[in-house]
Amino acid sequence: MKNIETLIQEAIALLKSLIAIPSFSSEEDQTALLIENWFTQNNIPFERENNNIWAYNQHFDKSKPTLLLNSHHDTVKPNQGYTNDPFEAIVKNGKLYGLGSNDAGGCLVSLIATFTHFYAKENLPYNIVIVASAEEESSGKNGLNSVLKHLPELECAIVGEPTLMQLAVAEKGLLVLDVVVKGTASHAAHNNPDNPIYNAMPVIDWFKTYQFEKISEVLGPVKMTVTQVTAGKQHNVVPAECHLVVDIRVTDRYSNIEILETVRANVNAEVTPRSMHLNASSIPVSHGLVQAGIALGRTTYGSPTLSDQSVLSCQSLKLGPGESLRSHSADEFIYINEIEEGIQLYIKILGDFLKN
C-alpha cells in the first residue's frame, strides 16, 4: 500500500493533468480517461457510465452499510477576466492555478487519494464507494443522479466541495419557478382594468414580503427572489401575460414540494417549477462523521451554495480543500498545502469514523 505522502504527490500530479484538459459539463470524456487511468494504475476495478466513474472498496460486503465519497470533474467555462491560460497548471507562491483547480479538482483528487488509501483495508464497518461525477455544474441529467440507480443503498456521504475543510452540515436546495400572470391584451389607448403587468405587482410583492414560518437552525430562513420580469412587445399594446422567474433557496426545514404548494396557494398566477430534485440537505451534528471532524478542530456551518448533495436522499456532509469564494473566479487557484491538508484530514476523519 502506498504511503500517504506518495498519494499526496500523485494526487497533485493528477490535478495538474486534469487542469490541462477542458472538461466543461457534458464534455468530460477526456478527464474521465485520466481518472480511469488512476484506478488502473492502482489495480482498482471501476465502472463507467457516460462520463461518471465509480469504484468500490476491495472487501465490499453487501451486509454492511455503504458510505459514498463524491466530487465532480466537470467545470464551468472560464470567465473573461482570466490573465493566465485556464488550461495550464501553473504553480506559483504555493498556489496551483488553473480552471477547476479549486472547484472541484482539489476535492476530487483528495477524495480519490483517500479512497485509494482505504481501498484494500479489511474488516471496515462500512463499504466505501467513490463516484467521480460529471455534469455537476449544469445539474445535468447524466451526472451523479444518473449513477445512483447502480449503487447500493447509501447510508451517508461526503461530497467534496471547497469548504476550507470545515464541516458544511447543511446546504440550501434550489427551486426555480416560471410564473405567468394573466391579463387581457388590448390597445394601450383604451381603458383596461386587467393589465397583466399591474396584476403582477401584488405577486411580486408577495414573493418579496412572504416569510416561511420554519427557520433552519443552520441555514436560516427560506429566501425567495424575483430575478426576471418579461412582458410586452411594443409600446402601444397591453400584453396578455407577464412572465416572472423566481429563485428560491430552500432550507432543510422544507421540501421543494412544500414550497411549491405554498406558492401556488398564495399567488394568482400559473406556477411551473423547472425541476423538483434539487432539495436541501443536512446531516446531524451528532453524526459520527461530523463528530470526527469536530474532534480534529473543524467547525460546522450551513452552506448557501448548491452541490451534488441536492440529488442525494441520504445524510451528507460537504467537506473539501479550497475556498468556495474562489470558485468560478478568474485565475482560479488552490493552495498546494490545502490539498496536502485535505488528504490528511479526510483520512483522519474517515479513519476515526470507521473505528467507531
Protein backbone atom coordinates (compact mmCIF):
# COMPACT_ATOMS: atom_id res chain seq x y z
CA MET A 1 0.00 0.00 0.00
CA LYS A 2 1.29 3.45 -0.88
CA ASN A 3 2.13 5.80 1.96
CA ILE A 4 0.18 8.99 2.41
CA GLU A 5 2.96 11.26 1.14
CA THR A 6 3.14 9.31 -2.13
CA LEU A 7 -0.64 9.54 -2.52
CA ILE A 8 -0.47 13.30 -1.93
CA GLN A 9 2.16 13.83 -4.62
CA GLU A 10 0.33 11.62 -7.09
CA ALA A 11 -2.96 13.40 -6.35
CA ILE A 12 -1.36 16.80 -7.08
CA ALA A 13 0.07 15.41 -10.34
CA LEU A 14 -3.40 14.12 -11.28
CA LEU A 15 -4.91 17.53 -10.62
CA LYS A 16 -2.34 19.19 -12.88
CA SER A 17 -3.26 16.74 -15.64
CA LEU A 18 -6.98 17.36 -15.13
CA ILE A 19 -6.49 21.13 -15.40
CA ALA A 20 -4.73 20.72 -18.75
CA ILE A 21 -7.78 19.08 -20.36
CA PRO A 22 -11.01 21.04 -20.95
CA SER A 23 -13.89 19.32 -19.15
CA PHE A 24 -16.92 21.55 -19.46
CA SER A 25 -20.18 19.98 -18.32
CA SER A 26 -21.18 17.13 -20.70
CA GLU A 27 -17.71 17.26 -22.29
CA GLU A 28 -15.73 15.40 -19.61
CA ASP A 29 -14.79 12.30 -21.63
CA GLN A 30 -11.05 13.00 -21.64
CA THR A 31 -10.78 13.79 -17.93
CA ALA A 32 -12.76 10.61 -17.30
CA LEU A 33 -9.96 8.71 -19.05
CA LEU A 34 -7.41 10.26 -16.69
CA ILE A 35 -9.44 9.12 -13.68
CA GLU A 36 -9.79 5.65 -15.19
CA ASN A 37 -6.01 5.57 -15.56
CA TRP A 38 -5.54 6.32 -11.83
CA PHE A 39 -7.70 3.36 -10.88
CA THR A 40 -5.98 1.11 -13.42
CA GLN A 41 -2.51 2.04 -12.16
CA ASN A 42 -3.62 1.29 -8.60
CA ASN A 43 -5.23 -2.05 -9.56
CA ILE A 44 -8.68 -0.86 -8.56
CA PRO A 45 -11.62 -2.14 -10.67
CA PHE A 46 -14.04 0.58 -11.72
CA GLU A 47 -17.25 1.11 -13.65
CA ARG A 48 -18.16 3.88 -16.04
CA GLU A 49 -21.40 5.22 -17.49
CA ASN A 50 -21.26 8.28 -19.70
CA ASN A 51 -18.55 10.37 -18.00
CA ASN A 52 -19.18 9.13 -14.46
CA ILE A 53 -16.70 6.70 -12.92
CA TRP A 54 -17.18 4.75 -9.71
CA ALA A 55 -15.37 2.10 -7.69
CA TYR A 56 -15.91 0.06 -4.53
CA ASN A 57 -13.54 -0.91 -1.76
CA GLN A 58 -11.87 -4.30 -2.28
CA HIS A 59 -13.69 -6.09 0.54
CA PHE A 60 -17.19 -4.86 -0.28
CA ASP A 61 -19.78 -6.69 1.83
CA LYS A 62 -23.48 -6.44 0.94
CA SER A 63 -24.43 -6.92 4.60
CA LYS A 64 -22.69 -3.67 5.61
CA PRO A 65 -23.88 -0.07 5.20
CA THR A 66 -22.30 1.99 2.42
CA LEU A 67 -20.55 5.36 2.61
CA LEU A 68 -20.29 7.47 -0.56
CA LEU A 69 -17.34 9.69 -1.44
CA ASN A 70 -18.20 12.05 -4.30
CA SER A 71 -16.85 15.01 -6.20
CA HIS A 72 -17.05 16.18 -9.80
CA HIS A 73 -14.61 16.63 -12.66
CA ASP A 74 -16.62 18.99 -14.88
CA THR A 75 -16.01 22.73 -14.85
CA VAL A 76 -17.74 25.91 -15.88
CA LYS A 77 -16.29 27.80 -18.83
CA PRO A 78 -13.55 30.30 -17.95
CA ASN A 79 -14.75 33.85 -17.49
CA GLN A 80 -13.30 36.76 -19.45
CA GLY A 81 -11.19 38.00 -16.54
CA TYR A 82 -8.52 35.30 -16.87
CA THR A 83 -4.94 36.55 -17.27
CA ASN A 84 -3.46 33.02 -17.17
CA ASP A 85 -4.16 30.21 -19.60
CA PRO A 86 -7.04 28.46 -17.77
CA PHE A 87 -5.79 25.09 -19.07
CA GLU A 88 -2.20 25.48 -17.90
CA ALA A 89 -1.42 24.20 -14.41
CA ILE A 90 0.83 26.93 -13.02
CA VAL A 91 2.44 26.64 -9.58
CA LYS A 92 3.47 30.00 -8.11
CA ASN A 93 3.91 31.11 -4.50
CA GLY A 94 2.38 27.89 -3.20
CA LYS A 95 -0.72 28.24 -5.40
CA LEU A 96 -1.78 25.84 -8.15
CA TYR A 97 -3.62 27.88 -10.78
CA GLY A 98 -5.98 26.53 -13.42
CA LEU A 99 -9.64 26.11 -14.30
CA GLY A 100 -11.26 23.63 -11.93
CA SER A 101 -8.32 23.60 -9.53
CA ASN A 102 -10.48 24.82 -6.66
CA ASP A 103 -13.94 23.76 -7.89
CA ALA A 104 -13.68 20.94 -7.52
CA GLY A 105 -10.44 19.36 -8.74
CA GLY A 106 -8.63 19.68 -5.42
CA CYS A 107 -11.52 17.97 -3.64
CA LEU A 108 -11.80 15.25 -6.27
CA VAL A 109 -8.14 14.21 -6.28
CA SER A 110 -8.04 14.37 -2.48
CA LEU A 111 -11.02 12.04 -2.22
CA ILE A 112 -9.58 9.70 -4.86
CA ALA A 113 -6.34 9.53 -2.87
CA THR A 114 -8.31 8.93 0.34
CA PHE A 115 -10.33 6.14 -1.27
CA THR A 116 -7.13 4.55 -2.55
CA HIS A 117 -5.72 4.64 0.99
CA PHE A 118 -8.72 2.72 2.34
CA TYR A 119 -9.36 0.53 -0.73
CA ALA A 120 -7.64 -2.69 0.45
CA LYS A 121 -8.32 -2.37 4.18
CA GLU A 122 -10.08 -5.36 5.71
CA ASN A 123 -12.90 -5.52 8.26
CA LEU A 124 -14.19 -2.00 7.71
CA PRO A 125 -17.62 -1.44 9.31
CA TYR A 126 -18.75 0.39 6.16
CA ASN A 127 -18.40 -0.25 2.47
CA ILE A 128 -16.90 2.70 0.60
CA VAL A 129 -17.89 3.72 -2.92
CA ILE A 130 -16.34 6.67 -4.73
CA VAL A 131 -18.03 8.42 -7.63
CA ALA A 132 -16.15 10.91 -9.81
CA SER A 133 -19.17 12.52 -11.38
CA ALA A 134 -19.96 14.64 -14.41
CA GLU A 135 -22.41 17.47 -15.11
CA GLU A 136 -22.45 18.87 -11.57
CA GLU A 137 -22.05 22.47 -12.72
CA SER A 138 -25.02 22.18 -15.10
CA SER A 139 -27.18 19.97 -12.84
CA GLY A 140 -27.35 17.75 -15.91
CA LYS A 141 -29.26 14.51 -16.34
CA ASN A 142 -26.08 12.45 -16.80
CA GLY A 143 -24.39 13.38 -13.52
CA LEU A 144 -24.38 11.78 -10.08
CA ASN A 145 -28.17 11.49 -10.17
CA SER A 146 -27.90 9.04 -13.09
CA VAL A 147 -25.42 6.81 -11.22
CA LEU A 148 -27.44 6.38 -8.02
CA LYS A 149 -29.60 3.63 -9.50
CA HIS A 150 -26.47 1.47 -9.93
CA LEU A 151 -25.29 1.89 -6.33
CA PRO A 152 -26.37 0.08 -3.18
CA GLU A 153 -28.46 1.98 -0.67
CA LEU A 154 -26.32 4.75 0.77
CA GLU A 155 -26.31 5.43 4.49
CA CYS A 156 -24.22 8.62 4.39
CA ALA A 157 -21.91 10.59 2.11
CA ILE A 158 -19.05 13.05 1.95
CA VAL A 159 -19.44 15.41 -1.01
CA GLY A 160 -16.20 17.12 -1.94
CA GLU A 161 -16.62 20.84 -2.47
CA PRO A 162 -14.30 23.64 -1.31
CA THR A 163 -15.10 24.39 2.34
CA LEU A 164 -11.60 25.10 3.69
CA MET A 165 -12.01 21.63 5.25
CA GLN A 166 -14.70 22.98 7.55
CA LEU A 167 -17.89 20.95 8.03
CA ALA A 168 -20.86 22.11 5.96
CA VAL A 169 -23.58 20.20 7.81
CA ALA A 170 -26.44 21.65 5.74
CA GLU A 171 -26.88 23.00 2.24
CA LYS A 172 -29.69 25.04 0.74
CA GLY A 173 -31.70 23.50 -2.07
CA LEU A 174 -32.86 25.33 -5.19
CA LEU A 175 -36.31 25.75 -6.69
CA VAL A 176 -36.64 27.88 -9.82
CA LEU A 177 -40.18 28.84 -10.78
CA ASP A 178 -41.61 30.19 -14.02
CA VAL A 179 -44.59 32.31 -13.06
CA VAL A 180 -47.12 33.56 -15.61
CA VAL A 181 -49.52 36.30 -14.58
CA LYS A 182 -52.51 36.57 -16.90
CA GLY A 183 -54.37 39.62 -18.13
CA THR A 184 -56.25 40.92 -21.14
CA ALA A 185 -54.47 42.14 -24.24
CA SER A 186 -55.60 45.50 -25.60
CA HIS A 187 -54.57 48.74 -27.28
CA ALA A 188 -52.78 50.98 -24.78
CA ALA A 189 -55.12 53.87 -25.62
CA HIS A 190 -58.15 52.01 -24.24
CA ASN A 191 -59.09 51.58 -20.62
CA ASN A 192 -58.02 48.11 -19.44
CA PRO A 193 -58.53 47.11 -15.78
CA ASP A 194 -56.87 43.72 -16.44
CA ASN A 195 -53.30 44.71 -17.33
CA PRO A 196 -51.08 41.67 -16.52
CA ILE A 197 -48.14 43.90 -15.62
CA TYR A 198 -50.21 45.62 -12.95
CA ASN A 199 -51.63 42.22 -11.94
CA ALA A 200 -48.06 41.04 -11.45
CA MET A 201 -47.26 43.76 -8.90
CA PRO A 202 -49.01 42.10 -5.91
CA VAL A 203 -47.50 38.78 -6.99
CA ILE A 204 -44.01 40.29 -6.95
CA ASP A 205 -44.77 41.95 -3.62
CA TRP A 206 -45.84 38.58 -2.16
CA PHE A 207 -42.53 37.00 -3.14
CA LYS A 208 -40.72 39.99 -1.63
CA THR A 209 -42.52 40.00 1.71
CA TYR A 210 -43.71 36.46 2.49
CA GLN A 211 -41.88 34.77 5.33
CA PHE A 212 -41.93 30.99 5.72
CA GLU A 213 -42.65 30.11 9.33
CA LYS A 214 -40.00 27.46 9.99
CA ILE A 215 -36.42 28.74 10.33
CA SER A 216 -33.46 26.39 9.95
CA GLU A 217 -31.01 26.46 12.85
CA VAL A 218 -28.11 26.20 10.40
CA LEU A 219 -29.37 27.75 7.14
CA GLY A 220 -31.75 30.42 8.43
CA PRO A 221 -34.94 31.29 6.52
CA VAL A 222 -36.09 30.27 3.04
CA LYS A 223 -35.09 33.03 0.60
CA MET A 224 -37.24 33.94 -2.42
CA THR A 225 -36.06 36.39 -5.09
CA VAL A 226 -37.73 37.54 -8.30
CA THR A 227 -34.84 37.65 -10.77
CA GLN A 228 -36.51 38.20 -14.17
CA VAL A 229 -39.61 40.06 -15.38
CA THR A 230 -40.69 39.91 -19.03
CA ALA A 231 -43.78 41.39 -20.69
CA GLY A 232 -44.85 43.21 -23.82
CA LYS A 233 -43.57 43.61 -27.36
CA GLN A 234 -44.30 47.24 -28.22
CA HIS A 235 -45.24 50.49 -26.55
CA ASN A 236 -48.90 50.70 -27.59
CA VAL A 237 -50.03 47.13 -26.85
CA VAL A 238 -51.00 45.84 -23.41
CA PRO A 239 -49.76 42.23 -23.35
CA ALA A 240 -51.83 39.21 -22.36
CA GLU A 241 -49.20 37.87 -19.96
CA CYS A 242 -46.39 38.96 -17.65
CA HIS A 243 -43.68 36.36 -17.05
CA LEU A 244 -41.59 36.16 -13.86
CA VAL A 245 -38.69 33.93 -12.87
CA VAL A 246 -38.29 33.29 -9.15
CA ASP A 247 -35.18 31.86 -7.48
CA ILE A 248 -35.97 30.13 -4.17
CA ARG A 249 -33.25 28.87 -1.83
CA VAL A 250 -34.85 26.14 0.25
CA THR A 251 -33.69 25.11 3.72
CA ASP A 252 -33.68 21.73 5.41
CA ARG A 253 -36.96 22.62 7.18
CA TYR A 254 -38.96 22.31 3.94
CA SER A 255 -39.17 20.05 0.92
CA ASN A 256 -39.38 21.59 -2.54
CA ILE A 257 -42.94 20.31 -2.92
CA GLU A 258 -43.99 22.06 0.30
CA ILE A 259 -42.57 25.35 -1.00
CA LEU A 260 -44.29 24.91 -4.36
CA GLU A 261 -47.66 24.18 -2.74
CA THR A 262 -47.36 27.30 -0.58
CA VAL A 263 -46.57 29.49 -3.59
CA ARG A 264 -49.48 28.12 -5.60
CA ALA A 265 -51.86 28.68 -2.69
CA ASN A 266 -50.88 32.35 -2.37
CA VAL A 267 -50.33 33.83 -5.83
CA ASN A 268 -52.86 34.43 -8.59
CA ALA A 269 -50.74 33.05 -11.41
CA GLU A 270 -49.65 29.91 -13.22
CA VAL A 271 -46.60 28.48 -11.42
CA THR A 272 -44.34 25.91 -13.08
CA PRO A 273 -41.16 24.54 -11.47
CA ARG A 274 -38.18 23.97 -13.73
CA SER A 275 -37.17 20.98 -11.60
CA MET A 276 -38.03 19.48 -8.22
CA HIS A 277 -34.97 17.36 -7.42
CA LEU A 278 -32.54 19.99 -6.09
CA ASN A 279 -33.51 19.60 -2.45
CA ALA A 280 -31.88 20.96 0.69
CA SER A 281 -29.66 18.51 2.55
CA SER A 282 -28.28 18.10 6.04
CA ILE A 283 -26.56 15.81 8.50
CA PRO A 284 -26.95 15.89 12.30
CA VAL A 285 -24.06 17.38 14.24
CA SER A 286 -24.22 14.20 16.32
CA HIS A 287 -23.36 12.04 13.30
CA GLY A 288 -20.05 10.16 13.56
CA LEU A 289 -18.55 11.87 10.50
CA VAL A 290 -19.27 15.32 11.91
CA GLN A 291 -18.06 14.38 15.38
CA ALA A 292 -14.82 13.01 13.91
CA GLY A 293 -14.26 16.36 12.21
CA ILE A 294 -15.11 18.38 15.32
CA ALA A 295 -12.62 16.29 17.29
CA LEU A 296 -9.94 17.45 14.84
CA GLY A 297 -10.76 21.13 15.38
CA ARG A 298 -13.13 21.59 12.44
CA THR A 299 -16.15 23.90 12.75
CA THR A 300 -19.70 23.42 11.44
CA TYR A 301 -21.71 25.80 9.26
CA GLY A 302 -24.51 25.94 6.68
CA SER A 303 -23.67 26.33 3.00
CA PRO A 304 -25.71 28.65 0.73
CA THR A 305 -24.30 27.13 -2.48
CA LEU A 306 -25.67 24.13 -4.35
CA SER A 307 -23.80 20.88 -4.99
CA ASP A 308 -24.48 17.24 -5.82
CA GLN A 309 -25.73 16.86 -2.25
CA SER A 310 -29.04 18.04 -3.68
CA VAL A 311 -29.62 14.74 -5.52
CA LEU A 312 -28.84 12.53 -2.51
CA SER A 313 -31.53 11.18 -0.20
CA CYS A 314 -29.04 10.05 2.46
CA GLN A 315 -27.42 12.22 5.11
CA SER A 316 -24.43 14.01 3.61
CA LEU A 317 -21.55 16.22 4.68
CA LYS A 318 -19.99 18.79 2.36
CA LEU A 319 -16.25 18.93 3.03
CA GLY A 320 -13.19 19.69 0.97
CA PRO A 321 -9.99 21.66 0.42
CA GLY A 322 -10.12 25.05 -1.25
CA GLU A 323 -12.40 28.03 -0.67
CA SER A 324 -15.86 28.49 -2.16
CA LEU A 325 -15.26 32.20 -2.89
CA ARG A 326 -12.57 31.24 -5.44
CA SER A 327 -14.96 29.06 -7.43
CA HIS A 328 -15.78 30.32 -10.94
CA SER A 329 -13.37 33.24 -10.44
CA ALA A 330 -10.74 34.46 -12.89
CA ASP A 331 -7.32 32.85 -12.39
CA GLU A 332 -8.85 30.22 -10.11
CA PHE A 333 -6.38 28.54 -7.77
CA ILE A 334 -5.96 26.23 -4.82
CA TYR A 335 -3.05 26.21 -2.40
CA ILE A 336 -0.86 23.13 -2.65
CA ASN A 337 -0.86 22.85 1.14
CA GLU A 338 -4.68 22.82 1.11
CA ILE A 339 -4.57 19.61 -0.91
CA GLU A 340 -1.96 18.14 1.42
CA GLU A 341 -4.05 19.05 4.46
CA GLY A 342 -7.24 17.91 2.75
CA ILE A 343 -5.99 14.38 2.11
CA GLN A 344 -4.58 14.06 5.62
CA LEU A 345 -7.81 15.32 7.22
CA TYR A 346 -10.06 13.17 5.01
CA ILE A 347 -8.02 10.11 6.04
CA LYS A 348 -8.12 11.06 9.74
CA ILE A 349 -11.85 11.81 9.73
CA LEU A 350 -12.72 8.62 7.89
CA GLY A 351 -10.28 6.63 10.00
CA ASP A 352 -11.89 7.85 13.21
CA PHE A 353 -15.41 7.33 11.83
CA LEU A 354 -14.65 3.79 10.67
CA LYS A 355 -13.18 2.88 14.08
CA ASN A 356 -16.38 3.77 15.93
